[in-house]
Amino acid sequence: MGSKYVFKPDSNPPVGGYDVESGDNATKFKNRYTIIREDVIKNKRQPEVTPDGGSYDGHLKAFGSDVKGNITMGSKYEFKPNSNPPPGAYEIDAAKE
């Protein structure tokens, strides 16, 4: 740890120093031991038939169909004060009890 990096070249050929055609022979080989057999599982499960996408839409409603006039678009905000005391009018000692 903490020592200077030492370059160690590997055994790969340098850029442009390899034969492109030699790769074809290395990847193409014949396997003499290939055996094709029947399926091992005799009673396979049948593929399930899936219904179309519309079968799952029965519970959906059109967008905004259940709105009953509660939406106001573009109207100015109306301030509605509530029954809370204004800032500074709280009784601090009452909150500690």
C-alpha atoms as a PDB file:
ATOM      1  CA  MET A   1       0.000   0.000   0.000  1.00  0.00           C
ATOM      2  CA  GLY A   2       1.180   3.433  -0.816  1.00  0.00           C
ATOM      3  CA  SER A   3       3.832   2.311  -3.316  1.00  0.00           C
ATOM      4  CA  LYS A   4       4.152   3.764  -6.802  1.00  0.00           C
ATOM      5  CA  TYR A   5       2.202   2.044  -9.599  1.00  0.00           C
ATOM      6  CA  VAL A   6       4.290  -0.445 -11.567  1.00  0.00           C
ATOM      7  CA  PHE A   7       3.214  -1.134 -15.164  1.00  0.00           C
ATOM      8  CA  LYS A   8       2.983  -4.860 -15.949  1.00  0.00           C
ATOM      9  CA  PRO A   9       2.136  -5.643 -19.597  1.00  0.00           C
ATOM     10  CA  ASP A  10      -0.101  -8.642 -20.176  1.00  0.00           C
ATOM     11  CA  SER A  11       0.217 -11.377 -22.791  1.00  0.00           C
ATOM     12  CA  ASN A  12      -2.386  -9.912 -25.177  1.00  0.00           C
ATOM     13  CA  PRO A  13      -1.133  -8.751 -28.589  1.00  0.00           C
ATOM     14  CA  PRO A  14      -0.776  -5.000 -29.110  1.00  0.00           C
ATOM     15  CA  VAL A  15      -3.289  -2.953 -31.085  1.00  0.00           C
ATOM     16  CA  GLY A  16      -3.232  -4.119 -34.698  1.00  0.00           C
ATOM     17  CA  GLY A  17      -0.930  -7.026 -33.856  1.00  0.00           C
ATOM     18  CA  TYR A  18      -3.568  -9.733 -33.968  1.00  0.00           C
ATOM     19  CA  ASP A  19      -4.986 -11.744 -36.853  1.00  0.00           C
ATOM     20  CA  VAL A  20      -8.684 -11.093 -37.396  1.00  0.00           C
ATOM     21  CA  GLU A  21      -9.223 -14.214 -39.492  1.00  0.00           C
ATOM     22  CA  SER A  22      -7.900 -16.575 -36.825  1.00  0.00           C
ATOM     23  CA  GLY A  23     -10.939 -15.853 -34.651  1.00  0.00           C
ATOM     24  CA  ASP A  24     -13.289 -17.621 -37.066  1.00  0.00           C
ATOM     25  CA  ASN A  25     -11.530 -20.937 -36.548  1.00  0.00           C
ATOM     26  CA  ALA A  26     -11.423 -20.586 -32.787  1.00  0.00           C
ATOM     27  CA  THR A  27     -15.168 -19.987 -32.351  1.00  0.00           C
ATOM     28  CA  LYS A  28     -16.498 -22.518 -34.848  1.00  0.00           C
ATOM     29  CA  PHE A  29     -16.235 -26.052 -33.546  1.00  0.00           C
ATOM     30  CA  LYS A  30     -18.261 -29.207 -33.759  1.00  0.00           C
ATOM     31  CA  ASN A  31     -19.652 -30.875 -30.707  1.00  0.00           C
ATOM     32  CA  ARG A  32     -19.722 -34.602 -31.297  1.00  0.00           C
ATOM     33  CA  TYR A  33     -21.661 -35.310 -28.122  1.00  0.00           C
ATOM     34  CA  THR A  34     -24.908 -33.443 -28.812  1.00  0.00           C
ATOM     35  CA  ILE A  35     -27.909 -35.594 -27.991  1.00  0.00           C
ATOM     36  CA  ILE A  36     -31.505 -34.589 -28.746  1.00  0.00           C
ATOM     37  CA  ARG A  37     -34.037 -36.267 -26.489  1.00  0.00           C
ATOM     38  CA  GLU A  38     -37.735 -36.066 -25.804  1.00  0.00           C
ATOM     39  CA  ASP A  39     -38.992 -33.837 -23.018  1.00  0.00           C
ATOM     40  CA  VAL A  40     -38.248 -35.169 -19.555  1.00  0.00           C
ATOM     41  CA  ILE A  41     -41.468 -33.769 -18.064  1.00  0.00           C
ATOM     42  CA  LYS A  42     -44.394 -35.720 -19.494  1.00  0.00           C
ATOM     43  CA  ASN A  43     -47.312 -33.797 -17.931  1.00  0.00           C
ATOM     44  CA  LYS A  44     -46.439 -30.187 -18.648  1.00  0.00           C
ATOM     45  CA  ARG A  45     -48.770 -27.459 -17.462  1.00  0.00           C
ATOM     46  CA  GLN A  46     -50.810 -25.995 -20.297  1.00  0.00           C
ATOM     47  CA  PRO A  47     -50.156 -22.318 -21.046  1.00  0.00           C
ATOM     48  CA  GLU A  48     -52.707 -20.057 -19.402  1.00  0.00           C
ATOM     49  CA  VAL A  49     -55.043 -18.064 -21.580  1.00  0.00           C
ATOM     50  CA  THR A  50     -54.941 -14.450 -20.495  1.00  0.00           C
ATOM     51  CA  PRO A  51     -57.972 -12.230 -21.080  1.00  0.00           C
ATOM     52  CA  ASP A  52     -57.706  -9.041 -23.072  1.00  0.00           C
ATOM     53  CA  GLY A  53     -56.921  -5.752 -21.340  1.00  0.00           C
ATOM     54  CA  GLY A  54     -60.526  -4.537 -21.322  1.00  0.00           C
ATOM     55  CA  SER A  55     -61.590  -7.230 -18.859  1.00  0.00           C
ATOM     56  CA  TYR A  56     -59.899  -5.374 -16.019  1.00  0.00           C
ATOM     57  CA  ASP A  57     -61.466  -1.946 -16.679  1.00  0.00           C
ATOM     58  CA  GLY A  58     -64.916  -2.542 -15.120  1.00  0.00           C
ATOM     59  CA  HIS A  59     -64.153  -0.654 -11.901  1.00  0.00           C
ATOM     60  CA  LEU A  60     -62.718   2.447 -13.594  1.00  0.00           C
ATOM     61  CA  LYS A  61     -64.671   5.683 -13.998  1.00  0.00           C
ATOM     62  CA  ALA A  62     -64.134   8.477 -16.481  1.00  0.00           C
ATOM     63  CA  PHE A  63     -61.846  11.230 -15.209  1.00  0.00           C
ATOM     64  CA  GLY A  64     -63.851  13.783 -13.198  1.00  0.00           C
ATOM     65  CA  SER A  65     -67.132  11.873 -13.399  1.00  0.00           C
ATOM     66  CA  ASP A  66     -67.558  11.756  -9.603  1.00  0.00           C
ATOM     67  CA  VAL A  67     -66.799  15.473  -8.991  1.00  0.00           C
ATOM     68  CA  LYS A  68     -69.807  17.384  -7.604  1.00  0.00           C
ATOM     69  CA  GLY A  69     -68.941  21.028  -8.164  1.00  0.00           C
ATOM     70  CA  ASN A  70     -66.101  21.184  -5.622  1.00  0.00           C
ATOM     71  CA  ILE A  71     -63.511  22.319  -8.153  1.00  0.00           C
ATOM     72  CA  THR A  72     -63.026  26.003  -8.902  1.00  0.00           C
ATOM     73  CA  MET A  73     -60.514  26.714 -11.601  1.00  0.00           C
ATOM     74  CA  GLY A  74     -58.971  30.162 -11.840  1.00  0.00           C
ATOM     75  CA  SER A  75     -60.910  31.817  -9.033  1.00  0.00           C
ATOM     76  CA  LYS A  76     -59.151  34.125  -6.591  1.00  0.00           C
ATOM     77  CA  TYR A  77     -58.222  32.681  -3.175  1.00  0.00           C
ATOM     78  CA  GLU A  78     -60.588  33.738  -0.419  1.00  0.00           C
ATOM     79  CA  PHE A  79     -59.104  34.055   3.062  1.00  0.00           C
ATOM     80  CA  LYS A  80     -61.234  32.347   5.692  1.00  0.00           C
ATOM     81  CA  PRO A  81     -59.972  32.969   9.240  1.00  0.00           C
ATOM     82  CA  ASN A  82     -60.405  30.167  11.761  1.00  0.00           C
ATOM     83  CA  SER A  83     -60.919  30.172  15.525  1.00  0.00           C
ATOM     84  CA  ASN A  84     -57.208  29.935  16.448  1.00  0.00           C
ATOM     85  CA  PRO A  85     -55.774  32.901  18.373  1.00  0.00           C
ATOM     86  CA  PRO A  86     -53.544  35.327  16.436  1.00  0.00           C
ATOM     87  CA  PRO A  87     -49.729  35.328  16.850  1.00  0.00           C
ATOM     88  CA  GLY A  88     -48.681  36.483  20.319  1.00  0.00           C
ATOM     89  CA  ALA A  89     -52.066  35.862  21.930  1.00  0.00           C
ATOM     90  CA  TYR A  90     -51.264  32.290  22.968  1.00  0.00           C
ATOM     91  CA  GLU A  91     -51.007  31.447  26.624  1.00  0.00           C
ATOM     92  CA  ILE A  92     -47.574  29.846  26.775  1.00  0.00           C
ATOM     93  CA  ASP A  93     -47.924  28.611  30.348  1.00  0.00           C
ATOM     94  CA  ALA A  94     -51.188  26.793  29.520  1.00  0.00           C
ATOM     95  CA  ALA A  95     -49.387  24.733  26.868  1.00  0.00           C
ATOM     96  CA  LYS A  96     -46.875  23.403  29.435  1.00  0.00           C
ATOM     97  CA  GLU A  97     -49.563  21.800  31.616  1.00  0.00           C
END
